[in-house]
Each structure stands twice: as C-alpha cells, then as structure tokens.
C-alpha cells in the first residue's frame, strides 16, 4: 500500500483537526510484534469492513475512531508477491493503539484524541464527532412517588419593544399580512454564514445566533428578529447527517452573552447541510425536533446553510406548532 494513505488526527474532546500522519508506520508498529519479523519492504492490502466498533482504545487518554461505522479491516501482508500474513483486525487495535502510544509520548497532557483513516474507498464514510460530556455531569432520576416539597415554574419574559423594519436598517422592507416572524440580518453576519465561516465538508457544523427581538410596530402580531452575530458552538457532536448541542454548549454561550454587556439575546441557532438547497429539502425531522424542544420561544429562529461545491444558500425557519415553516428575511443596510 502507498504511504500516501493517511490518518487524520483530532485533539481534545471537541475533536479539533490537528494534523495528518502516514498510516504505514502505525501498521508496522502494530503488526511486527504479531508477525515476529520486520515488515520493511512489504506490501499491505487493507479491506475495510462495514462493521461498527465504537470501543475506546484507552480510557486515558481516550482515542476514538471517528469513522467507527467501518470499525474492522482485513489485512493482507505480502513480500515479493508471497503472502506472509492475513487476518481481520479492529481498526482501533491496528491504528488506534500505536497511535495512542505515539500521542501519549509526544503530548502527555492531552486526554482526548480522535482519528480517522483517509484512504481510497473511504471517501463516502463520514466522520462522526461524539458529543462531549460536560465536566462533572451526572444524570438525576426523579422519583414519581411521594410529595414534592418544591416546584419550579418559568417567569414570563417582558414583551419585546416596538420597532419597524426601517428602525432595524431596512428602509424599503415591508411586513406581509400573516407574517409571524421576520428576520433581519446584518451584513457582517450574512457574509459570515454565506462566505467566510469555515465549515466542514464532512460533518455538519452549527452554532448560536444572537441579536435582539422586537414587536413590529405596524403589525402587532409579528416579531422582528435582528440577527447581529453567528457564534460557532463549542462542545458539540456532529456527523454527516446531524448536529448536536450539549448542556455545556449553552452554558458557554450564556457566559459569552453575560460578558458581552450589550444586552444581546439568544435569538436562535444555525447549522449546515452538506448538499445543495432544493425547495423539497429544508430542515430534517431531527432539526425540527431539536428546535421545537430546545428553542421554544416563538420568535427564536433556525438558520440553515446548504453547502455544495460552488455556493452556500442561507434560509430561515420559525416554529409553527410542532412543525417548522420558512421565515422571510431582509438584509440590513450599513
């Protein structure tokens, strides 16, 4: 096999891209003790098998195969055309174990690593980034019997202030009859979502939308949502087909808003789809469930960025009962 076949390495449990290393030295490190001879001058043929294996290589540091849907590989080793070894192996033991030893020696303070083999034939196998666990996180199960000694209820938020589209930088805009939420995006945020934010081409990415919310002065039944920033979320999970916030994602976003001191609010979220936009394909059922169970304020919106080879398409959605519908949007001047 060619040494051009590589292993992508990701560090921390946010699985941030770190570097790529050749695969061949890791295979030699794993198999030479098994075969009992030097593998210099040999040829490897690898057949990756679509059998899932999500087992961690080590506990500390954890080393996770981010292409775990293809968790096993059949290995053939030949020298001068003669077969000297063949056997199936878990990718974690063949790649993850020697990689873990290498990373532990070079970066002893790092506790989380991820890897993915990049090779011909695996282009269609998506990376899956697990959602990280929050520090000190525990699950609490509430008993349903007995008398509850206290309860918690939500305090209603004050009504948003009145504004017009002109007040928000859209002098020629209008609210149509029946509009319940209208989005106004400033130039910088629009440029970030459609051009400058770095998005993966292998897993969905996403984050939070901040800004302000107003009642439309000339249409009392409509909210005007001014989106002034798109903030990539931290501590998330991601795959080709899904994007996941964690409790710590919201905690860090809340801390950021508190430090900002401008009175900005969390007005929604955004994420990417890794295929072209069509009228038939908008938010997925997973997206709808995430929004309607997490972003429950009626004026909170979802931004969707469809990505293909040549362009990005930005669309906006709002909740409509248990479903999501398209929301009109305007680009603010200035």
C-alpha atoms as a PDB file:
ATOM      1  CA  UNK A   1       0.000   0.000   0.000  1.00  0.00           C
ATOM      2  CA  UNK A   2       1.110   3.581  -0.572  1.00  0.00           C
ATOM      3  CA  UNK A   3       2.365   5.659   2.357  1.00  0.00           C
ATOM      4  CA  UNK A   4       0.121   8.435   0.942  1.00  0.00           C
ATOM      5  CA  UNK A   5      -2.710   6.760   2.843  1.00  0.00           C
ATOM      6  CA  UNK A   6      -3.021   8.861   5.982  1.00  0.00           C
ATOM      7  CA  UNK A   7      -4.557   9.049   9.431  1.00  0.00           C
ATOM      8  CA  UNK A   8      -6.275  12.306  10.345  1.00  0.00           C
ATOM      9  CA  UNK A   9      -5.706  13.196  13.990  1.00  0.00           C
ATOM     10  CA  UNK A  10      -8.101  15.312  16.084  1.00  0.00           C
ATOM     11  CA  UNK A  11      -7.316  16.576  19.579  1.00  0.00           C
ATOM     12  CA  UNK A  12      -9.433  17.359  22.688  1.00  0.00           C
ATOM     13  CA  UNK A  13     -12.971  16.050  23.078  1.00  0.00           C
ATOM     14  CA  UNK A  14     -14.116  18.835  20.756  1.00  0.00           C
ATOM     15  CA  UNK A  15     -12.136  16.843  18.139  1.00  0.00           C
ATOM     16  CA  UNK A  16     -10.351  19.794  16.584  1.00  0.00           C
ATOM     17  CA  UNK A  17      -8.305  18.943  13.453  1.00  0.00           C
ATOM     18  CA  UNK A  18      -4.650  18.662  14.434  1.00  0.00           C
ATOM     19  CA  UNK A  19      -2.565  17.026  11.686  1.00  0.00           C
ATOM     20  CA  UNK A  20      -2.235  14.005   9.408  1.00  0.00           C
ATOM     21  CA  UNK A  21       0.337  11.242   9.655  1.00  0.00           C
ATOM     22  CA  UNK A  22       1.204   8.317   7.346  1.00  0.00           C
ATOM     23  CA  UNK A  23      -0.611   5.075   8.085  1.00  0.00           C
ATOM     24  CA  UNK A  24       2.207   2.648   7.199  1.00  0.00           C
ATOM     25  CA  UNK A  25       4.411   3.262  10.296  1.00  0.00           C
ATOM     26  CA  UNK A  26       1.419   2.626  12.567  1.00  0.00           C
ATOM     27  CA  UNK A  27       0.673  -0.660  10.803  1.00  0.00           C
ATOM     28  CA  UNK A  28       4.286  -1.765  11.182  1.00  0.00           C
ATOM     29  CA  UNK A  29       4.247  -0.853  14.871  1.00  0.00           C
ATOM     30  CA  UNK A  30       1.088  -2.892  15.438  1.00  0.00           C
ATOM     31  CA  UNK A  31       1.898  -5.954  13.320  1.00  0.00           C
ATOM     32  CA  UNK A  32       5.644  -6.549  13.623  1.00  0.00           C
ATOM     33  CA  UNK A  33       5.268  -7.979  17.174  1.00  0.00           C
ATOM     34  CA  UNK A  34       2.435 -10.195  15.901  1.00  0.00           C
ATOM     35  CA  UNK A  35       4.254 -11.498  12.816  1.00  0.00           C
ATOM     36  CA  UNK A  36       7.639 -11.636  14.531  1.00  0.00           C
ATOM     37  CA  UNK A  37       9.720 -10.047  11.793  1.00  0.00           C
ATOM     38  CA  UNK A  38      10.488  -6.709  10.187  1.00  0.00           C
ATOM     39  CA  UNK A  39       7.877  -5.556   7.685  1.00  0.00           C
ATOM     40  CA  UNK A  40      10.272  -3.355   5.749  1.00  0.00           C
ATOM     41  CA  UNK A  41       9.752  -3.926   2.029  1.00  0.00           C
ATOM     42  CA  UNK A  42       6.302  -5.497   2.431  1.00  0.00           C
ATOM     43  CA  UNK A  43       3.022  -4.579   0.787  1.00  0.00           C
ATOM     44  CA  UNK A  44      -0.204  -4.097   2.743  1.00  0.00           C
ATOM     45  CA  UNK A  45      -3.670  -4.633   1.268  1.00  0.00           C
ATOM     46  CA  UNK A  46      -6.466  -3.340   3.510  1.00  0.00           C
ATOM     47  CA  UNK A  47     -10.165  -4.116   3.070  1.00  0.00           C
ATOM     48  CA  UNK A  48     -12.248  -2.035   5.457  1.00  0.00           C
ATOM     49  CA  UNK A  49     -15.415  -3.779   6.641  1.00  0.00           C
ATOM     50  CA  UNK A  50     -18.761  -2.035   7.351  1.00  0.00           C
ATOM     51  CA  UNK A  51     -18.966  -3.358  10.898  1.00  0.00           C
ATOM     52  CA  UNK A  52     -19.387  -0.765  13.642  1.00  0.00           C
ATOM     53  CA  UNK A  53     -16.961  -0.585  16.561  1.00  0.00           C
ATOM     54  CA  UNK A  54     -17.294   2.354  18.960  1.00  0.00           C
ATOM     55  CA  UNK A  55     -14.979   0.989  21.673  1.00  0.00           C
ATOM     56  CA  UNK A  56     -12.436   3.463  23.030  1.00  0.00           C
ATOM     57  CA  UNK A  57      -8.815   2.419  22.640  1.00  0.00           C
ATOM     58  CA  UNK A  58      -7.742   3.675  26.065  1.00  0.00           C
ATOM     59  CA  UNK A  59      -9.506   5.334  28.960  1.00  0.00           C
ATOM     60  CA  UNK A  60      -6.735   7.894  29.494  1.00  0.00           C
ATOM     61  CA  UNK A  61      -6.082   9.271  27.047  1.00  0.00           C
ATOM     62  CA  UNK A  62      -9.191   8.232  25.136  1.00  0.00           C
ATOM     63  CA  UNK A  63      -8.524   7.533  21.463  1.00  0.00           C
ATOM     64  CA  UNK A  64     -11.666   7.198  19.338  1.00  0.00           C
ATOM     65  CA  UNK A  65     -12.127   6.056  15.744  1.00  0.00           C
ATOM     66  CA  UNK A  66     -14.303   8.783  14.218  1.00  0.00           C
ATOM     67  CA  UNK A  67     -15.141   6.508  11.272  1.00  0.00           C
ATOM     68  CA  UNK A  68     -16.420   3.797  13.581  1.00  0.00           C
ATOM     69  CA  UNK A  69     -19.068   2.555  11.108  1.00  0.00           C
ATOM     70  CA  UNK A  70     -16.120   0.861   9.371  1.00  0.00           C
ATOM     71  CA  UNK A  71     -14.572  -0.435  12.553  1.00  0.00           C
ATOM     72  CA  UNK A  72     -12.803  -3.535  11.226  1.00  0.00           C
ATOM     73  CA  UNK A  73     -10.292  -4.191   8.474  1.00  0.00           C
ATOM     74  CA  UNK A  74      -8.994  -7.342   6.793  1.00  0.00           C
ATOM     75  CA  UNK A  75      -5.223  -7.141   6.398  1.00  0.00           C
ATOM     76  CA  UNK A  76      -3.030  -8.954   3.865  1.00  0.00           C
ATOM     77  CA  UNK A  77       0.747  -8.559   4.016  1.00  0.00           C
ATOM     78  CA  UNK A  78       2.913  -9.754   1.123  1.00  0.00           C
ATOM     79  CA  UNK A  79       6.612  -9.666   0.313  1.00  0.00           C
ATOM     80  CA  UNK A  80       7.794 -10.190  -3.262  1.00  0.00           C
ATOM     81  CA  UNK A  81       4.332 -11.478  -4.150  1.00  0.00           C
ATOM     82  CA  UNK A  82       4.297 -14.077  -1.353  1.00  0.00           C
ATOM     83  CA  UNK A  83       1.588 -13.900   1.316  1.00  0.00           C
ATOM     84  CA  UNK A  84       3.159 -13.753   4.786  1.00  0.00           C
ATOM     85  CA  UNK A  85       0.137 -12.722   6.879  1.00  0.00           C
ATOM     86  CA  UNK A  86      -3.605 -12.163   6.651  1.00  0.00           C
ATOM     87  CA  UNK A  87      -6.172 -11.609   9.372  1.00  0.00           C
ATOM     88  CA  UNK A  88      -9.083  -9.298  10.325  1.00  0.00           C
ATOM     89  CA  UNK A  89      -8.425  -6.675  12.988  1.00  0.00           C
ATOM     90  CA  UNK A  90     -10.360  -3.913  14.723  1.00  0.00           C
ATOM     91  CA  UNK A  91      -9.211  -0.554  13.384  1.00  0.00           C
ATOM     92  CA  UNK A  92      -8.797   0.610  16.987  1.00  0.00           C
ATOM     93  CA  UNK A  93      -6.166  -2.065  17.697  1.00  0.00           C
ATOM     94  CA  UNK A  94      -4.390  -1.809  14.364  1.00  0.00           C
ATOM     95  CA  UNK A  95      -4.329   2.005  14.173  1.00  0.00           C
ATOM     96  CA  UNK A  96      -5.654   3.370  17.459  1.00  0.00           C
ATOM     97  CA  UNK A  97      -3.303   1.523  19.805  1.00  0.00           C
ATOM     98  CA  UNK A  98       0.011   2.509  18.157  1.00  0.00           C
ATOM     99  CA  UNK A  99      -1.370   5.989  17.511  1.00  0.00           C
ATOM    100  CA  UNK A 100      -2.324   6.301  21.188  1.00  0.00           C
ATOM    101  CA  UNK A 101       1.192   5.314  22.276  1.00  0.00           C
ATOM    102  CA  UNK A 102       2.698   7.842  19.873  1.00  0.00           C
ATOM    103  CA  UNK A 103       0.408  10.656  21.030  1.00  0.00           C
ATOM    104  CA  UNK A 104       0.871   9.858  24.712  1.00  0.00           C
ATOM    105  CA  UNK A 105       4.632  10.141  24.296  1.00  0.00           C
ATOM    106  CA  UNK A 106       4.500  13.393  22.335  1.00  0.00           C
ATOM    107  CA  UNK A 107       1.583  15.099  24.154  1.00  0.00           C
ATOM    108  CA  UNK A 108       1.323  13.544  27.646  1.00  0.00           C
ATOM    109  CA  UNK A 109      -1.063  16.187  28.984  1.00  0.00           C
ATOM    110  CA  UNK A 110      -3.759  15.683  26.347  1.00  0.00           C
ATOM    111  CA  UNK A 111      -6.606  13.400  27.483  1.00  0.00           C
ATOM    112  CA  UNK A 112      -8.764  13.083  24.348  1.00  0.00           C
ATOM    113  CA  UNK A 113      -7.895  12.165  20.775  1.00  0.00           C
ATOM    114  CA  UNK A 114      -9.842  11.138  17.701  1.00  0.00           C
ATOM    115  CA  UNK A 115      -8.650   9.697  14.422  1.00  0.00           C
ATOM    116  CA  UNK A 116      -9.948   8.729  11.007  1.00  0.00           C
ATOM    117  CA  UNK A 117      -8.219   6.765   8.249  1.00  0.00           C
ATOM    118  CA  UNK A 118      -8.205   8.656   4.953  1.00  0.00           C
ATOM    119  CA  UNK A 119      -7.798   6.222   2.064  1.00  0.00           C
ATOM    120  CA  UNK A 120      -9.273   5.436  -1.374  1.00  0.00           C
ATOM    121  CA  UNK A 121     -12.646   3.777  -0.916  1.00  0.00           C
ATOM    122  CA  UNK A 122     -13.406   5.522   2.379  1.00  0.00           C
ATOM    123  CA  UNK A 123     -14.381   8.858   0.838  1.00  0.00           C
ATOM    124  CA  UNK A 124     -18.075   8.095   1.395  1.00  0.00           C
ATOM    125  CA  UNK A 125     -17.618   7.175   5.060  1.00  0.00           C
ATOM    126  CA  UNK A 126     -18.450  10.210   7.154  1.00  0.00           C
ATOM    127  CA  UNK A 127     -16.595  11.303  10.235  1.00  0.00           C
ATOM    128  CA  UNK A 128     -18.790  11.259  13.350  1.00  0.00           C
ATOM    129  CA  UNK A 129     -17.785  13.557  16.190  1.00  0.00           C
ATOM    130  CA  UNK A 130     -19.287  12.350  19.512  1.00  0.00           C
ATOM    131  CA  UNK A 131     -20.903  14.938  21.749  1.00  0.00           C
ATOM    132  CA  UNK A 132     -18.542  15.562  24.688  1.00  0.00           C
ATOM    133  CA  UNK A 133     -19.541  15.007  28.288  1.00  0.00           C
ATOM    134  CA  UNK A 134     -19.707  18.091  30.492  1.00  0.00           C
ATOM    135  CA  UNK A 135     -17.309  18.388  33.400  1.00  0.00           C
ATOM    136  CA  UNK A 136     -18.921  16.909  36.494  1.00  0.00           C
ATOM    137  CA  UNK A 137     -22.015  15.873  34.545  1.00  0.00           C
ATOM    138  CA  UNK A 138     -24.348  13.405  36.234  1.00  0.00           C
ATOM    139  CA  UNK A 139     -27.799  12.091  35.399  1.00  0.00           C
ATOM    140  CA  UNK A 140     -30.507  12.595  38.005  1.00  0.00           C
ATOM    141  CA  UNK A 141     -33.622  10.382  38.055  1.00  0.00           C
ATOM    142  CA  UNK A 142     -36.586  11.927  39.844  1.00  0.00           C
ATOM    143  CA  UNK A 143     -38.887   9.720  41.870  1.00  0.00           C
ATOM    144  CA  UNK A 144     -42.510   9.903  40.818  1.00  0.00           C
ATOM    145  CA  UNK A 145     -43.932   8.794  44.172  1.00  0.00           C
ATOM    146  CA  UNK A 146     -44.208  10.885  47.310  1.00  0.00           C
ATOM    147  CA  UNK A 147     -44.974  14.556  47.832  1.00  0.00           C
ATOM    148  CA  UNK A 148     -42.828  17.146  46.071  1.00  0.00           C
ATOM    149  CA  UNK A 149     -41.533  19.726  48.516  1.00  0.00           C
ATOM    150  CA  UNK A 150     -40.952  22.401  45.897  1.00  0.00           C
ATOM    151  CA  UNK A 151     -41.554  23.111  42.243  1.00  0.00           C
ATOM    152  CA  UNK A 152     -40.066  25.367  39.594  1.00  0.00           C
ATOM    153  CA  UNK A 153     -42.035  27.411  37.101  1.00  0.00           C
ATOM    154  CA  UNK A 154     -40.986  29.769  34.353  1.00  0.00           C
ATOM    155  CA  UNK A 155     -41.388  33.509  34.819  1.00  0.00           C
ATOM    156  CA  UNK A 156     -42.855  35.186  31.762  1.00  0.00           C
ATOM    157  CA  UNK A 157     -40.396  37.457  29.953  1.00  0.00           C
ATOM    158  CA  UNK A 158     -41.359  41.081  29.314  1.00  0.00           C
ATOM    159  CA  UNK A 159     -42.800  41.926  25.923  1.00  0.00           C
ATOM    160  CA  UNK A 160     -40.177  42.969  23.335  1.00  0.00           C
ATOM    161  CA  UNK A 161     -40.023  46.675  22.446  1.00  0.00           C
ATOM    162  CA  UNK A 162     -41.721  48.013  19.335  1.00  0.00           C
ATOM    163  CA  UNK A 163     -39.736  48.687  16.143  1.00  0.00           C
ATOM    164  CA  UNK A 164     -40.161  48.912  12.401  1.00  0.00           C
ATOM    165  CA  UNK A 165     -38.045  47.354   9.668  1.00  0.00           C
ATOM    166  CA  UNK A 166     -36.720  50.847   8.950  1.00  0.00           C
ATOM    167  CA  UNK A 167     -35.542  51.107  12.568  1.00  0.00           C
ATOM    168  CA  UNK A 168     -33.547  47.902  12.005  1.00  0.00           C
ATOM    169  CA  UNK A 169     -31.844  49.119   8.817  1.00  0.00           C
ATOM    170  CA  UNK A 170     -34.356  48.022   6.164  1.00  0.00           C
ATOM    171  CA  UNK A 171     -35.982  51.272   4.972  1.00  0.00           C
ATOM    172  CA  UNK A 172     -37.650  49.666   1.950  1.00  0.00           C
ATOM    173  CA  UNK A 173     -38.821  46.495   3.710  1.00  0.00           C
ATOM    174  CA  UNK A 174     -42.391  45.503   4.460  1.00  0.00           C
ATOM    175  CA  UNK A 175     -44.172  43.001   6.660  1.00  0.00           C
ATOM    176  CA  UNK A 176     -46.759  40.948   4.812  1.00  0.00           C
ATOM    177  CA  UNK A 177     -50.125  40.043   6.290  1.00  0.00           C
ATOM    178  CA  UNK A 178     -49.754  36.691   8.056  1.00  0.00           C
ATOM    179  CA  UNK A 179     -46.032  37.049   8.781  1.00  0.00           C
ATOM    180  CA  UNK A 180     -45.400  35.984  12.368  1.00  0.00           C
ATOM    181  CA  UNK A 181     -41.584  36.224  12.388  1.00  0.00           C
ATOM    182  CA  UNK A 182     -39.422  38.323  10.063  1.00  0.00           C
ATOM    183  CA  UNK A 183     -35.626  38.029  10.221  1.00  0.00           C
ATOM    184  CA  UNK A 184     -33.262  40.970   9.692  1.00  0.00           C
ATOM    185  CA  UNK A 185     -29.592  40.020   9.258  1.00  0.00           C
ATOM    186  CA  UNK A 186     -26.733  42.499   9.353  1.00  0.00           C
ATOM    187  CA  UNK A 187     -24.133  42.487   6.590  1.00  0.00           C
ATOM    188  CA  UNK A 188     -21.328  41.001   8.669  1.00  0.00           C
ATOM    189  CA  UNK A 189     -23.334  38.019   9.879  1.00  0.00           C
ATOM    190  CA  UNK A 190     -24.765  37.368   6.432  1.00  0.00           C
ATOM    191  CA  UNK A 191     -21.253  37.413   4.962  1.00  0.00           C
ATOM    192  CA  UNK A 192     -20.012  35.050   7.672  1.00  0.00           C
ATOM    193  CA  UNK A 193     -22.757  32.482   7.095  1.00  0.00           C
ATOM    194  CA  UNK A 194     -22.642  32.621   3.308  1.00  0.00           C
ATOM    195  CA  UNK A 195     -18.911  33.131   2.717  1.00  0.00           C
ATOM    196  CA  UNK A 196     -16.336  33.419   5.475  1.00  0.00           C
ATOM    197  CA  UNK A 197     -17.149  30.999   8.319  1.00  0.00           C
ATOM    198  CA  UNK A 198     -15.099  27.826   7.900  1.00  0.00           C
ATOM    199  CA  UNK A 199     -17.451  24.870   7.607  1.00  0.00           C
ATOM    200  CA  UNK A 200     -16.511  21.210   7.373  1.00  0.00           C
ATOM    201  CA  UNK A 201     -17.317  19.314   4.183  1.00  0.00           C
ATOM    202  CA  UNK A 202     -17.549  16.028   6.136  1.00  0.00           C
ATOM    203  CA  UNK A 203     -19.752  16.755   9.161  1.00  0.00           C
ATOM    204  CA  UNK A 204     -22.497  19.262   9.874  1.00  0.00           C
ATOM    205  CA  UNK A 205     -21.427  22.367  11.781  1.00  0.00           C
ATOM    206  CA  UNK A 206     -23.511  24.835  13.729  1.00  0.00           C
ATOM    207  CA  UNK A 207     -23.802  27.435  16.412  1.00  0.00           C
ATOM    208  CA  UNK A 208     -25.884  30.131  18.041  1.00  0.00           C
ATOM    209  CA  UNK A 209     -27.481  33.319  16.721  1.00  0.00           C
ATOM    210  CA  UNK A 210     -27.531  36.432  18.880  1.00  0.00           C
ATOM    211  CA  UNK A 211     -29.200  39.795  18.477  1.00  0.00           C
ATOM    212  CA  UNK A 212     -32.443  41.455  19.528  1.00  0.00           C
ATOM    213  CA  UNK A 213     -36.164  40.875  19.156  1.00  0.00           C
ATOM    214  CA  UNK A 214     -38.958  43.424  18.642  1.00  0.00           C
ATOM    215  CA  UNK A 215     -42.668  43.572  18.075  1.00  0.00           C
ATOM    216  CA  UNK A 216     -43.467  45.036  14.664  1.00  0.00           C
ATOM    217  CA  UNK A 217     -44.906  48.484  15.393  1.00  0.00           C
ATOM    218  CA  UNK A 218     -47.189  48.379  12.362  1.00  0.00           C
ATOM    219  CA  UNK A 219     -48.080  44.648  12.636  1.00  0.00           C
ATOM    220  CA  UNK A 220     -48.591  43.771  16.347  1.00  0.00           C
ATOM    221  CA  UNK A 221     -48.875  40.044  15.631  1.00  0.00           C
ATOM    222  CA  UNK A 222     -45.369  39.861  14.105  1.00  0.00           C
ATOM    223  CA  UNK A 223     -41.927  39.633  15.682  1.00  0.00           C
ATOM    224  CA  UNK A 224     -38.894  41.284  14.063  1.00  0.00           C
ATOM    225  CA  UNK A 225     -35.727  39.331  14.887  1.00  0.00           C
ATOM    226  CA  UNK A 226     -32.463  41.229  14.329  1.00  0.00           C
ATOM    227  CA  UNK A 227     -29.584  38.747  13.932  1.00  0.00           C
ATOM    228  CA  UNK A 228     -26.297  40.514  14.655  1.00  0.00           C
ATOM    229  CA  UNK A 229     -23.866  37.641  15.250  1.00  0.00           C
ATOM    230  CA  UNK A 230     -23.359  33.950  14.435  1.00  0.00           C
ATOM    231  CA  UNK A 231     -21.264  32.217  17.119  1.00  0.00           C
ATOM    232  CA  UNK A 232     -19.879  28.711  16.417  1.00  0.00           C
ATOM    233  CA  UNK A 233     -20.977  26.421  19.240  1.00  0.00           C
ATOM    234  CA  UNK A 234     -18.466  24.679  21.484  1.00  0.00           C
ATOM    235  CA  UNK A 235     -18.697  21.178  22.954  1.00  0.00           C
ATOM    236  CA  UNK A 236     -20.946  19.778  20.224  1.00  0.00           C
ATOM    237  CA  UNK A 237     -21.476  16.451  18.489  1.00  0.00           C
ATOM    238  CA  UNK A 238     -21.608  16.145  14.719  1.00  0.00           C
ATOM    239  CA  UNK A 239     -21.881  13.724  11.843  1.00  0.00           C
ATOM    240  CA  UNK A 240     -22.702  13.823   8.146  1.00  0.00           C
ATOM    241  CA  UNK A 241     -26.429  13.777   8.971  1.00  0.00           C
ATOM    242  CA  UNK A 242     -26.740  15.521  12.294  1.00  0.00           C
ATOM    243  CA  UNK A 243     -25.570  18.217  14.695  1.00  0.00           C
ATOM    244  CA  UNK A 244     -25.936  18.101  18.491  1.00  0.00           C
ATOM    245  CA  UNK A 245     -25.670  20.755  21.184  1.00  0.00           C
ATOM    246  CA  UNK A 246     -24.757  19.779  24.737  1.00  0.00           C
ATOM    247  CA  UNK A 247     -25.645  21.454  28.002  1.00  0.00           C
ATOM    248  CA  UNK A 248     -22.135  22.855  28.097  1.00  0.00           C
ATOM    249  CA  UNK A 249     -22.664  24.398  24.652  1.00  0.00           C
ATOM    250  CA  UNK A 250     -25.477  26.505  26.128  1.00  0.00           C
ATOM    251  CA  UNK A 251     -23.525  27.224  29.310  1.00  0.00           C
ATOM    252  CA  UNK A 252     -20.599  28.665  27.365  1.00  0.00           C
ATOM    253  CA  UNK A 253     -22.927  30.677  25.135  1.00  0.00           C
ATOM    254  CA  UNK A 254     -24.662  32.089  28.202  1.00  0.00           C
ATOM    255  CA  UNK A 255     -21.321  33.108  29.680  1.00  0.00           C
ATOM    256  CA  UNK A 256     -20.401  34.815  26.419  1.00  0.00           C
ATOM    257  CA  UNK A 257     -23.650  36.807  26.397  1.00  0.00           C
ATOM    258  CA  UNK A 258     -23.159  37.798  30.041  1.00  0.00           C
ATOM    259  CA  UNK A 259     -19.633  39.043  29.319  1.00  0.00           C
ATOM    260  CA  UNK A 260     -20.760  40.972  26.250  1.00  0.00           C
ATOM    261  CA  UNK A 261     -22.708  43.556  28.224  1.00  0.00           C
ATOM    262  CA  UNK A 262     -24.676  44.738  25.168  1.00  0.00           C
ATOM    263  CA  UNK A 263     -27.991  43.203  26.090  1.00  0.00           C
ATOM    264  CA  UNK A 264     -27.902  40.769  23.170  1.00  0.00           C
ATOM    265  CA  UNK A 265     -30.212  37.776  23.383  1.00  0.00           C
ATOM    266  CA  UNK A 266     -30.073  34.232  22.098  1.00  0.00           C
ATOM    267  CA  UNK A 267     -32.380  34.561  19.094  1.00  0.00           C
ATOM    268  CA  UNK A 268     -31.821  31.100  17.585  1.00  0.00           C
ATOM    269  CA  UNK A 269     -29.326  28.730  16.047  1.00  0.00           C
ATOM    270  CA  UNK A 270     -27.827  27.789  12.704  1.00  0.00           C
ATOM    271  CA  UNK A 271     -26.323  24.690  11.153  1.00  0.00           C
ATOM    272  CA  UNK A 272     -25.197  23.317   7.812  1.00  0.00           C
ATOM    273  CA  UNK A 273     -26.450  20.687   5.389  1.00  0.00           C
ATOM    274  CA  UNK A 274     -23.814  19.187   3.110  1.00  0.00           C
ATOM    275  CA  UNK A 275     -25.872  19.106  -0.070  1.00  0.00           C
ATOM    276  CA  UNK A 276     -27.438  21.684  -2.414  1.00  0.00           C
ATOM    277  CA  UNK A 277     -30.596  23.518  -1.384  1.00  0.00           C
ATOM    278  CA  UNK A 278     -33.878  22.487  -3.001  1.00  0.00           C
ATOM    279  CA  UNK A 279     -37.459  23.529  -2.378  1.00  0.00           C
ATOM    280  CA  UNK A 280     -38.289  19.985  -1.279  1.00  0.00           C
ATOM    281  CA  UNK A 281     -35.440  19.608   1.231  1.00  0.00           C
ATOM    282  CA  UNK A 282     -35.309  22.026   4.138  1.00  0.00           C
ATOM    283  CA  UNK A 283     -34.900  21.147   7.794  1.00  0.00           C
ATOM    284  CA  UNK A 284     -34.804  17.450   8.612  1.00  0.00           C
ATOM    285  CA  UNK A 285     -37.108  15.821  11.162  1.00  0.00           C
ATOM    286  CA  UNK A 286     -34.118  15.759  13.565  1.00  0.00           C
ATOM    287  CA  UNK A 287     -33.650  19.511  13.082  1.00  0.00           C
ATOM    288  CA  UNK A 288     -37.342  20.163  13.695  1.00  0.00           C
ATOM    289  CA  UNK A 289     -37.296  18.135  16.897  1.00  0.00           C
ATOM    290  CA  UNK A 290     -34.165  19.923  18.141  1.00  0.00           C
ATOM    291  CA  UNK A 291     -35.687  23.347  17.504  1.00  0.00           C
ATOM    292  CA  UNK A 292     -39.160  22.697  18.870  1.00  0.00           C
ATOM    293  CA  UNK A 293     -37.853  21.068  22.058  1.00  0.00           C
ATOM    294  CA  UNK A 294     -34.898  23.388  22.720  1.00  0.00           C
ATOM    295  CA  UNK A 295     -35.581  26.801  21.118  1.00  0.00           C
ATOM    296  CA  UNK A 296     -39.130  27.102  22.394  1.00  0.00           C
ATOM    297  CA  UNK A 297     -39.639  30.868  22.397  1.00  0.00           C
ATOM    298  CA  UNK A 298     -41.903  31.663  19.418  1.00  0.00           C
ATOM    299  CA  UNK A 299     -39.550  34.257  17.960  1.00  0.00           C
ATOM    300  CA  UNK A 300     -36.399  32.083  18.044  1.00  0.00           C
ATOM    301  CA  UNK A 301     -35.303  31.137  14.530  1.00  0.00           C
ATOM    302  CA  UNK A 302     -33.231  28.495  12.773  1.00  0.00           C
ATOM    303  CA  UNK A 303     -30.758  29.397  10.051  1.00  0.00           C
ATOM    304  CA  UNK A 304     -29.931  26.678   7.524  1.00  0.00           C
ATOM    305  CA  UNK A 305     -26.825  26.889   5.321  1.00  0.00           C
ATOM    306  CA  UNK A 306     -26.809  24.433   2.428  1.00  0.00           C
ATOM    307  CA  UNK A 307     -23.297  23.845   1.091  1.00  0.00           C
ATOM    308  CA  UNK A 308     -22.266  22.385  -2.248  1.00  0.00           C
ATOM    309  CA  UNK A 309     -19.119  22.655  -4.328  1.00  0.00           C
ATOM    310  CA  UNK A 310     -19.811  26.126  -5.698  1.00  0.00           C
ATOM    311  CA  UNK A 311     -22.059  28.029  -3.289  1.00  0.00           C
ATOM    312  CA  UNK A 312     -23.831  28.367   0.045  1.00  0.00           C
ATOM    313  CA  UNK A 313     -27.547  29.021   0.311  1.00  0.00           C
ATOM    314  CA  UNK A 314     -28.927  30.592   3.502  1.00  0.00           C
ATOM    315  CA  UNK A 315     -32.555  30.061   4.548  1.00  0.00           C
ATOM    316  CA  UNK A 316     -34.508  30.848   7.715  1.00  0.00           C
ATOM    317  CA  UNK A 317     -37.215  28.965   9.591  1.00  0.00           C
ATOM    318  CA  UNK A 318     -39.529  29.508  12.572  1.00  0.00           C
ATOM    319  CA  UNK A 319     -41.669  27.172  14.631  1.00  0.00           C
ATOM    320  CA  UNK A 320     -45.296  26.679  13.659  1.00  0.00           C
ATOM    321  CA  UNK A 321     -46.780  24.436  16.316  1.00  0.00           C
ATOM    322  CA  UNK A 322     -44.821  21.196  16.166  1.00  0.00           C
ATOM    323  CA  UNK A 323     -43.513  21.944  12.665  1.00  0.00           C
ATOM    324  CA  UNK A 324     -41.199  24.494  11.047  1.00  0.00           C
ATOM    325  CA  UNK A 325     -42.008  26.895   8.234  1.00  0.00           C
ATOM    326  CA  UNK A 326     -39.899  29.291   6.187  1.00  0.00           C
ATOM    327  CA  UNK A 327     -39.448  32.774   7.607  1.00  0.00           C
ATOM    328  CA  UNK A 328     -38.867  35.797   5.335  1.00  0.00           C
ATOM    329  CA  UNK A 329     -35.667  37.710   5.865  1.00  0.00           C
ATOM    330  CA  UNK A 330     -34.149  41.042   4.922  1.00  0.00           C
ATOM    331  CA  UNK A 331     -30.533  42.187   4.740  1.00  0.00           C
ATOM    332  CA  UNK A 332     -29.913  45.303   6.824  1.00  0.00           C
ATOM    333  CA  UNK A 333     -28.121  48.219   5.219  1.00  0.00           C
ATOM    334  CA  UNK A 334     -24.824  49.510   6.508  1.00  0.00           C
END
